[in-house]
Protein backbone atom coordinates (compact mmCIF):
# COMPACT_ATOMS: atom_id res chain seq x y z
CA UNK A 1 11.75 -28.25 -13.32
CA UNK A 2 14.25 -27.32 -15.65
CA UNK A 3 16.20 -24.78 -14.36
CA UNK A 4 17.38 -22.03 -16.70
CA UNK A 5 20.52 -19.40 -16.01
CA UNK A 6 20.14 -17.42 -13.08
CA UNK A 7 19.01 -19.68 -10.30
CA UNK A 8 21.01 -22.55 -8.93
CA UNK A 9 24.88 -23.08 -7.01
CA UNK A 10 27.11 -23.57 -10.35
CA UNK A 11 30.70 -25.10 -10.71
CA UNK A 12 33.37 -23.95 -12.22
CA UNK A 13 35.55 -25.93 -14.75
CA UNK A 14 37.57 -27.02 -11.84
CA UNK A 15 34.82 -28.46 -9.95
CA UNK A 16 35.02 -25.59 -7.42
CA UNK A 17 30.72 -24.92 -5.85
CA UNK A 18 29.69 -21.54 -6.42
CA UNK A 19 26.62 -20.62 -4.26
CA UNK A 20 24.47 -17.82 -5.35
CA UNK A 21 23.28 -15.36 -3.06
CA UNK A 22 20.73 -12.71 -2.96
CA UNK A 23 19.47 -9.24 -1.35
CA UNK A 24 15.86 -7.79 -1.64
CA UNK A 25 16.05 -3.96 -1.94
CA UNK A 26 13.90 -1.35 -0.92
CA UNK A 27 12.60 1.49 -3.25
CA UNK A 28 15.49 4.08 -2.75
CA UNK A 29 13.25 7.07 -3.58
CA UNK A 30 16.23 9.40 -2.58
CA UNK A 31 18.66 7.24 -4.59
CA UNK A 32 20.34 9.07 -7.87
CA UNK A 33 21.50 6.85 -10.39
CA UNK A 34 25.20 6.72 -9.03
CA UNK A 35 24.35 5.95 -5.46
CA UNK A 36 22.20 2.84 -7.23
CA UNK A 37 24.96 2.05 -9.28
CA UNK A 38 27.56 1.99 -6.09
CA UNK A 39 25.20 0.19 -4.14
CA UNK A 40 24.89 -2.61 -6.66
CA UNK A 41 28.34 -2.80 -7.06
CA UNK A 42 29.16 -3.29 -3.63
CA UNK A 43 26.58 -6.31 -3.45
CA UNK A 44 28.60 -7.73 -6.70
CA UNK A 45 31.80 -7.26 -4.97
CA UNK A 46 30.61 -8.92 -1.76
CA UNK A 47 29.10 -12.10 -3.37
CA UNK A 48 25.92 -11.27 -4.02
CA UNK A 49 24.79 -12.74 -7.45
CA UNK A 50 21.69 -11.19 -8.30
CA UNK A 51 19.06 -8.52 -6.56
CA UNK A 52 15.18 -8.22 -6.28
CA UNK A 53 14.21 -4.72 -5.78
CA UNK A 54 10.49 -2.89 -5.30
CA UNK A 55 9.57 -0.43 -7.88
CA UNK A 56 8.28 0.55 -11.25
CA UNK A 57 8.60 -0.75 -14.33
CA UNK A 58 10.76 2.30 -15.24
CA UNK A 59 12.62 1.83 -12.33
CA UNK A 60 13.77 -2.11 -13.40
CA UNK A 61 14.40 -0.66 -16.93
CA UNK A 62 17.55 2.02 -15.52
CA UNK A 63 18.22 -0.88 -12.87
CA UNK A 64 18.52 -3.41 -15.48
CA UNK A 65 21.26 -1.25 -17.82
CA UNK A 66 23.48 -1.00 -14.60
CA UNK A 67 23.25 -4.94 -13.40
CA UNK A 68 23.35 -6.28 -16.76
CA UNK A 69 27.56 -3.96 -17.22
CA UNK A 70 27.81 -4.93 -13.23
CA UNK A 71 27.11 -8.87 -13.86
CA UNK A 72 24.24 -8.95 -11.66
CA UNK A 73 20.59 -10.86 -12.18
CA UNK A 74 17.86 -8.78 -12.06
CA UNK A 75 14.50 -9.93 -10.31
CA UNK A 76 11.43 -7.89 -10.43
CA UNK A 77 9.99 -7.82 -6.60
CA UNK A 78 6.60 -7.12 -6.39
CA UNK A 79 3.33 -7.66 -4.31
CA UNK A 80 1.02 -10.15 -5.97
CA UNK A 81 -2.20 -10.47 -3.92
CA UNK A 82 -2.10 -7.67 -1.73
CA UNK A 83 -2.94 -4.91 -4.06
CA UNK A 84 -4.81 -1.67 -2.96
CA UNK A 85 -4.91 0.11 -6.74
CA UNK A 86 -7.97 -1.31 -7.81
CA UNK A 87 -10.09 -0.50 -5.07
CA UNK A 88 -11.69 2.56 -6.44
CA UNK A 89 -12.79 1.07 -9.54
CA UNK A 90 -13.01 -2.69 -8.78
CA UNK A 91 -13.70 -3.23 -5.42
CA UNK A 92 -15.45 -6.48 -6.04
CA UNK A 93 -11.92 -8.04 -6.77
CA UNK A 94 -11.62 -7.45 -2.79
CA UNK A 95 -11.64 -10.34 -0.31
CA UNK A 96 -14.46 -10.79 2.23
CA UNK A 97 -13.64 -11.61 5.86
CA UNK A 98 -16.21 -14.19 7.42
CA UNK A 99 -17.68 -11.29 9.50
CA UNK A 100 -18.98 -9.48 6.52
CA UNK A 101 -15.91 -6.98 6.28
CA UNK A 102 -14.32 -6.21 2.93
CA UNK A 103 -11.07 -5.24 2.93
CA UNK A 104 -11.95 -2.16 1.26
CA UNK A 105 -13.76 -0.71 4.20
CA UNK A 106 -12.16 -2.12 6.81
CA UNK A 107 -8.65 -3.81 6.09
CA UNK A 108 -7.02 -6.35 8.90
CA UNK A 109 -4.48 -5.50 11.26
CA UNK A 110 -2.68 -2.68 9.06
CA UNK A 111 -4.04 0.18 6.45
CA UNK A 112 -2.23 -1.25 3.55
CA UNK A 113 -3.72 -4.73 3.56
CA UNK A 114 -6.04 -4.95 0.70
CA UNK A 115 -6.07 -8.63 0.11
CA UNK A 116 -7.69 -9.47 -3.62
CA UNK A 117 -9.69 -12.59 -4.08
CA UNK A 118 -7.97 -15.19 -5.98
CA UNK A 119 -11.85 -16.87 -6.97
CA UNK A 120 -12.71 -13.72 -8.90
CA UNK A 121 -11.76 -14.39 -12.66
CA UNK A 122 -10.51 -10.89 -13.49
CA UNK A 123 -7.81 -10.82 -10.32
CA UNK A 124 -6.27 -13.67 -12.38
CA UNK A 125 -6.02 -12.22 -15.26
CA UNK A 126 -4.60 -8.28 -14.11
CA UNK A 127 -2.22 -10.58 -12.35
CA UNK A 128 -1.18 -12.05 -15.69
CA UNK A 129 -1.11 -8.98 -17.50
CA UNK A 130 1.12 -7.19 -14.83
CA UNK A 131 3.91 -9.61 -15.13
CA UNK A 132 4.32 -10.77 -18.72
CA UNK A 133 4.43 -6.73 -19.35
CA UNK A 134 7.58 -6.80 -16.86
CA UNK A 135 8.84 -9.64 -18.85
CA UNK A 136 8.95 -7.72 -21.77
CA UNK A 137 12.16 -5.10 -20.03
CA UNK A 138 15.45 -6.39 -21.59
CA UNK A 139 17.60 -7.42 -19.10
CA UNK A 140 15.60 -8.55 -16.58
CA UNK A 141 15.85 -12.17 -15.81
CA UNK A 142 12.83 -12.89 -13.43
CA UNK A 143 9.73 -11.81 -11.51
CA UNK A 144 9.17 -11.99 -7.93
CA UNK A 145 6.24 -12.50 -6.20
CA UNK A 146 5.38 -11.74 -2.74
CA UNK A 147 2.20 -11.33 -0.35
CA UNK A 148 1.28 -14.04 -2.81
CA UNK A 149 -1.27 -15.42 -0.46
CA UNK A 150 -4.15 -14.84 1.94
CA UNK A 151 -4.56 -12.49 5.03
CA UNK A 152 -2.97 -14.38 8.14
CA UNK A 153 -5.57 -15.94 9.81
CA UNK A 154 -2.92 -16.35 12.68
CA UNK A 155 -0.57 -14.25 12.85
CA UNK A 156 3.18 -15.99 13.90
CA UNK A 157 3.45 -16.25 17.73
CA UNK A 158 5.86 -13.17 18.42
CA UNK A 159 3.81 -10.52 16.68
CA UNK A 160 0.34 -11.42 18.21
CA UNK A 161 1.12 -9.58 20.80
CA UNK A 162 2.02 -6.38 18.99
CA UNK A 163 -1.41 -6.52 18.21
CA UNK A 164 -2.70 -7.25 21.28
CA UNK A 165 -3.94 -10.47 20.56
CA UNK A 166 -4.02 -14.40 21.68
CA UNK A 167 -5.04 -16.20 18.48
CA UNK A 168 -5.72 -19.83 19.86
CA UNK A 169 -8.46 -19.98 17.23
CA UNK A 170 -9.11 -18.53 13.93
CA UNK A 171 -11.18 -15.22 14.47
CA UNK A 172 -13.47 -14.37 12.11
CA UNK A 173 -12.23 -10.68 11.29
CA UNK A 174 -9.26 -12.44 9.87
CA UNK A 175 -10.83 -15.33 8.47
CA UNK A 176 -10.91 -14.54 4.44
CA UNK A 177 -12.51 -14.98 2.10
CA UNK A 178 -16.56 -14.99 2.04
CA UNK A 179 -17.52 -13.27 -0.86
CA UNK A 180 -20.08 -14.51 -2.45
CA UNK A 181 -18.27 -15.66 -5.45
CA UNK A 182 -16.10 -18.28 -2.95
CA UNK A 183 -19.22 -19.21 -0.93
CA UNK A 184 -21.21 -20.20 -4.53
CA UNK A 185 -18.22 -21.70 -5.81
CA UNK A 186 -18.03 -23.50 -2.95
CA UNK A 187 -21.55 -24.62 -2.54
CA UNK A 188 -21.73 -25.67 -5.91
CA UNK A 189 -18.99 -28.42 -5.33
CA UNK A 190 -19.86 -29.47 -1.48
CA UNK A 191 -23.46 -28.20 -1.23
CA UNK A 192 -23.02 -26.53 1.80
CA UNK A 193 -22.82 -22.34 2.56
CA UNK A 194 -19.53 -21.66 4.41
CA UNK A 195 -21.05 -19.19 6.65
CA UNK A 196 -23.41 -21.81 7.34
CA UNK A 197 -21.48 -24.13 9.03
CA UNK A 198 -21.45 -23.97 12.48
CA UNK A 199 -17.16 -23.77 12.52
CA UNK A 200 -15.98 -23.12 9.35
CA UNK A 201 -12.26 -23.26 10.48
CA UNK A 202 -12.85 -27.25 11.01
CA UNK A 203 -13.84 -27.91 7.34
CA UNK A 204 -10.93 -29.54 5.86
CA UNK A 205 -13.14 -29.32 2.53
CA UNK A 206 -13.28 -25.16 3.16
CA UNK A 207 -9.74 -25.15 3.80
CA UNK A 208 -8.58 -26.94 0.72
CA UNK A 209 -10.84 -25.04 -1.48
CA UNK A 210 -9.10 -21.82 -0.59
CA UNK A 211 -5.85 -23.46 -0.84
CA UNK A 212 -6.71 -24.24 -4.45
CA UNK A 213 -8.20 -21.12 -5.37
CA UNK A 214 -4.87 -19.39 -5.00
CA UNK A 215 -2.75 -22.32 -6.35
CA UNK A 216 -4.52 -22.09 -9.19
CA UNK A 217 -3.88 -18.24 -9.74
CA UNK A 218 -0.36 -18.55 -9.06
CA UNK A 219 0.30 -21.08 -11.64
CA UNK A 220 -1.58 -19.36 -14.27
CA UNK A 221 0.75 -16.82 -13.51
CA UNK A 222 3.82 -18.98 -13.75
CA UNK A 223 2.46 -20.58 -16.85
CA UNK A 224 2.55 -17.05 -18.33
CA UNK A 225 5.75 -15.93 -17.23
CA UNK A 226 7.76 -18.69 -18.23
CA UNK A 227 6.21 -18.38 -22.10
CA UNK A 228 7.41 -15.33 -22.52
CA UNK A 229 11.39 -17.35 -21.67
CA UNK A 230 11.77 -15.61 -18.18
CA UNK A 231 11.95 -16.91 -14.73
CA UNK A 232 9.40 -16.89 -11.94
CA UNK A 233 9.98 -16.69 -7.99
CA UNK A 234 8.47 -15.89 -4.52
CA UNK A 235 8.92 -15.24 -1.16
CA UNK A 236 6.55 -17.48 0.93
CA UNK A 237 6.03 -18.49 4.40
CA UNK A 238 8.94 -20.53 6.11
CA UNK A 239 7.49 -23.71 5.15
CA UNK A 240 4.72 -25.31 3.47
CA UNK A 241 3.09 -26.67 6.84
CA UNK A 242 3.11 -22.87 8.46
CA UNK A 243 2.41 -21.70 5.37
CA UNK A 244 -0.68 -23.79 4.75
CA UNK A 245 -1.86 -23.29 8.54
CA UNK A 246 -1.69 -19.34 9.04
CA UNK A 247 -1.99 -17.72 5.59
CA UNK A 248 -3.79 -20.42 3.50
CA UNK A 249 -0.52 -20.72 1.07
CA UNK A 250 0.56 -24.08 -0.43
CA UNK A 251 3.49 -23.16 -1.98
CA UNK A 252 4.47 -26.65 -2.01
CA UNK A 253 2.31 -27.06 -5.36
CA UNK A 254 3.34 -23.45 -7.21
CA UNK A 255 4.97 -24.52 -10.41
CA UNK A 256 8.02 -22.17 -9.47
CA UNK A 257 11.97 -22.09 -10.54
CA UNK A 258 12.79 -20.92 -7.16
CA UNK A 259 11.18 -20.32 -3.97
CA UNK A 260 12.63 -17.89 -1.39
CA UNK A 261 11.08 -18.81 1.84
CA UNK A 262 11.07 -16.11 4.61
CA UNK A 263 13.22 -17.68 7.92
CA UNK A 264 12.41 -14.61 9.97
CA UNK A 265 12.89 -16.88 13.19
CA UNK A 266 12.38 -13.98 15.72
CA UNK A 267 8.32 -14.02 14.17
CA UNK A 268 8.48 -17.46 15.79
CA UNK A 269 10.16 -17.26 18.77
CA UNK A 270 13.04 -19.76 16.86
CA UNK A 271 16.45 -20.46 17.08
CA UNK A 272 19.25 -21.87 14.94
CA UNK A 273 17.55 -25.32 15.56
CA UNK A 274 14.52 -23.64 14.33
CA UNK A 275 16.22 -22.30 11.29
CA UNK A 276 17.80 -26.20 10.48
CA UNK A 277 14.60 -27.57 11.19
CA UNK A 278 12.80 -25.36 8.79
CA UNK A 279 15.26 -25.59 5.60
CA UNK A 280 15.74 -29.49 6.55
CA UNK A 281 11.94 -29.61 5.89
CA UNK A 282 11.77 -27.14 2.42
CA UNK A 283 14.59 -29.09 1.22
CA UNK A 284 12.90 -32.25 1.79
CA UNK A 285 9.47 -30.78 0.35
CA UNK A 286 11.22 -29.99 -3.09
CA UNK A 287 12.90 -32.96 -3.76
CA UNK A 288 15.47 -30.44 -6.00
CA UNK A 289 12.42 -29.54 -8.59
CA UNK A 290 13.14 -25.62 -7.58
CA UNK A 291 16.05 -23.75 -5.79
CA UNK A 292 16.09 -22.93 -2.69
CA UNK A 293 17.00 -19.59 -1.08
CA UNK A 294 16.76 -18.84 3.11
CA UNK A 295 15.31 -15.52 3.41
CA UNK A 296 16.67 -13.83 6.10
CA UNK A 297 15.95 -10.42 8.06
CA UNK A 298 18.92 -8.70 9.04
CA UNK A 299 17.22 -7.48 12.27
CA UNK A 300 16.96 -11.13 12.80
CA UNK A 301 20.59 -12.43 11.85
CA UNK A 302 22.15 -9.83 13.97
CA UNK A 303 20.59 -12.00 17.58
CA UNK A 304 23.45 -14.81 16.48
CA UNK A 305 25.59 -13.47 13.70
CA UNK A 306 25.75 -13.99 10.00
CA UNK A 307 27.97 -16.71 10.12
CA UNK A 308 26.33 -19.35 12.54
CA UNK A 309 22.79 -18.45 10.70
CA UNK A 310 24.54 -18.38 6.73
CA UNK A 311 25.93 -21.81 8.26
CA UNK A 312 22.67 -23.18 9.24
CA UNK A 313 21.62 -22.83 5.91
CA UNK A 314 23.38 -23.82 3.43
CA UNK A 315 24.68 -27.13 5.10
CA UNK A 316 21.10 -28.07 5.76
CA UNK A 317 20.37 -27.72 1.88
CA UNK A 318 19.65 -24.09 0.68
CA UNK A 319 21.18 -23.08 -2.50
CA UNK A 320 22.19 -19.58 -1.02
CA UNK A 321 20.30 -17.39 0.99
CA UNK A 322 18.76 -13.53 0.57
CA UNK A 323 19.15 -10.66 2.64
CA UNK A 324 16.27 -8.34 3.72
CA UNK A 325 17.25 -5.93 2.66
CA UNK A 326 20.78 -5.28 0.67
CA UNK A 327 20.97 -1.15 1.62
CA UNK A 328 21.00 -2.42 5.45
CA UNK A 329 24.24 -4.57 4.63
CA UNK A 330 27.48 -2.79 6.46
CA UNK A 331 30.96 -2.88 5.94
CA UNK A 332 31.28 -5.50 8.36
CA UNK A 333 28.51 -7.56 7.49
CA UNK A 334 30.00 -7.86 4.06
CA UNK A 335 33.54 -9.20 4.68
CA UNK A 336 32.16 -11.55 7.52
CA UNK A 337 29.43 -12.58 4.48
CA UNK A 338 32.23 -12.74 2.09
CA UNK A 339 34.62 -15.12 4.17
CA UNK A 340 31.93 -17.24 5.27
CA UNK A 341 30.66 -17.66 1.39
CA UNK A 342 34.57 -18.46 0.64
CA UNK A 343 34.56 -20.77 3.69
CA UNK A 344 31.52 -22.88 2.74
CA UNK A 345 32.72 -23.07 -1.17
CA UNK A 346 35.81 -24.70 -0.10
CA UNK A 347 33.99 -27.06 1.90
CA UNK A 348 31.30 -28.07 -0.44
CA UNK A 349 34.06 -28.25 -3.01
CA UNK A 350 36.17 -31.25 -1.30
C-alpha cells in the first residue's frame, strides 16, 4: 500500500531518521479552547507528531484549526462496532449471543458493550456514512477506528479475575453473533446451523465466517475513506494471532494505512520480552505494507519506565509509539520521552 503524508518515519536532507509518535486524547469536556491549545502545543514540543482525540465532528473542526497552526496531524478516533446509539430505533442491527441474548437487552461484561452485527448490510452503510462525513472536515488528516471487532469471547488473562471468570473455553454468553441473519448466511454456505453444532467453538468454518464478515465491513469503510483522499488506521489487539482468538479480529487482512496494536502488557501478564515478541510478530505480518505504531498504556508503562518500553518497541521494528492518553503525560514523562526519541533517532541514523 502506498503511504501518504501523515504516517511513517521520515528522513531529513541530512539523512537523519525522524520517528513519528502519537497520543490518544480523551474528550476533555471541561477543557477550554486555551486548555486544548496548550495541551496540543506541549505535545508537539515533546516529540509527538500527531493526536487521535475522541469527540464530535464539531470538536474535530475546532481542533483542526489548532493542530494546523501548531503543526500536528489530527486523526478522528471513533468507536466502530461498539455503538449503542441506534438501539432504540434499530435493535435488529445488534449482535446476539449463543445463549440467545441481544446486547440490546443484556450487554456482556459491562453496560456500554453494545456490539453491532457485521452481517447486517445497514451496519456497513452507517459506518461508511459516518467516517466519510468525518473526512469532509478541513484539516483532518485521517480517521482512526477503535472497537473494530466482536465482543471479547475470551478476556485477556489478567482481566478475567475482575469479572470472577476463568475462561478456559468459549462461554455462550460472550460468544457472538448468533442472530438469525448470521446463522442463515452460514447455513446457505455450509448447510449447517451453528446452533445445532455440538460445540460451535470447535468449528473452523464458523470461526472463519465471522472473521470474514468483519473484514468485509472494515475494508468497505477503508475503500470509502480512501476515495475521499484521507487515510485510515485502527487500534487493534496486540497481534493478529491474539486478536483472531479472543475478539475475532483478523486485522492482518484490514486494508489500512497504519495499525496501532494495543500492547497493554499488564493485561496479558506480559513483560518487556512479551512486548519484544509482539512487535516482532506484527512487523513480520505487515511486511512493510502499512505502518506500525505501538499503543502504550501509561499505567502499564510505568512498571518499567518510558525509556525501556519505547526502546523495546522501536528497536524491534515499530515506526513509533502512541500513548494512552496524552493528557496523562507529565513533565518528567515529556523530558524522558524526548530524550529517548532523540537518542533512538541518532542511533537509527548511523
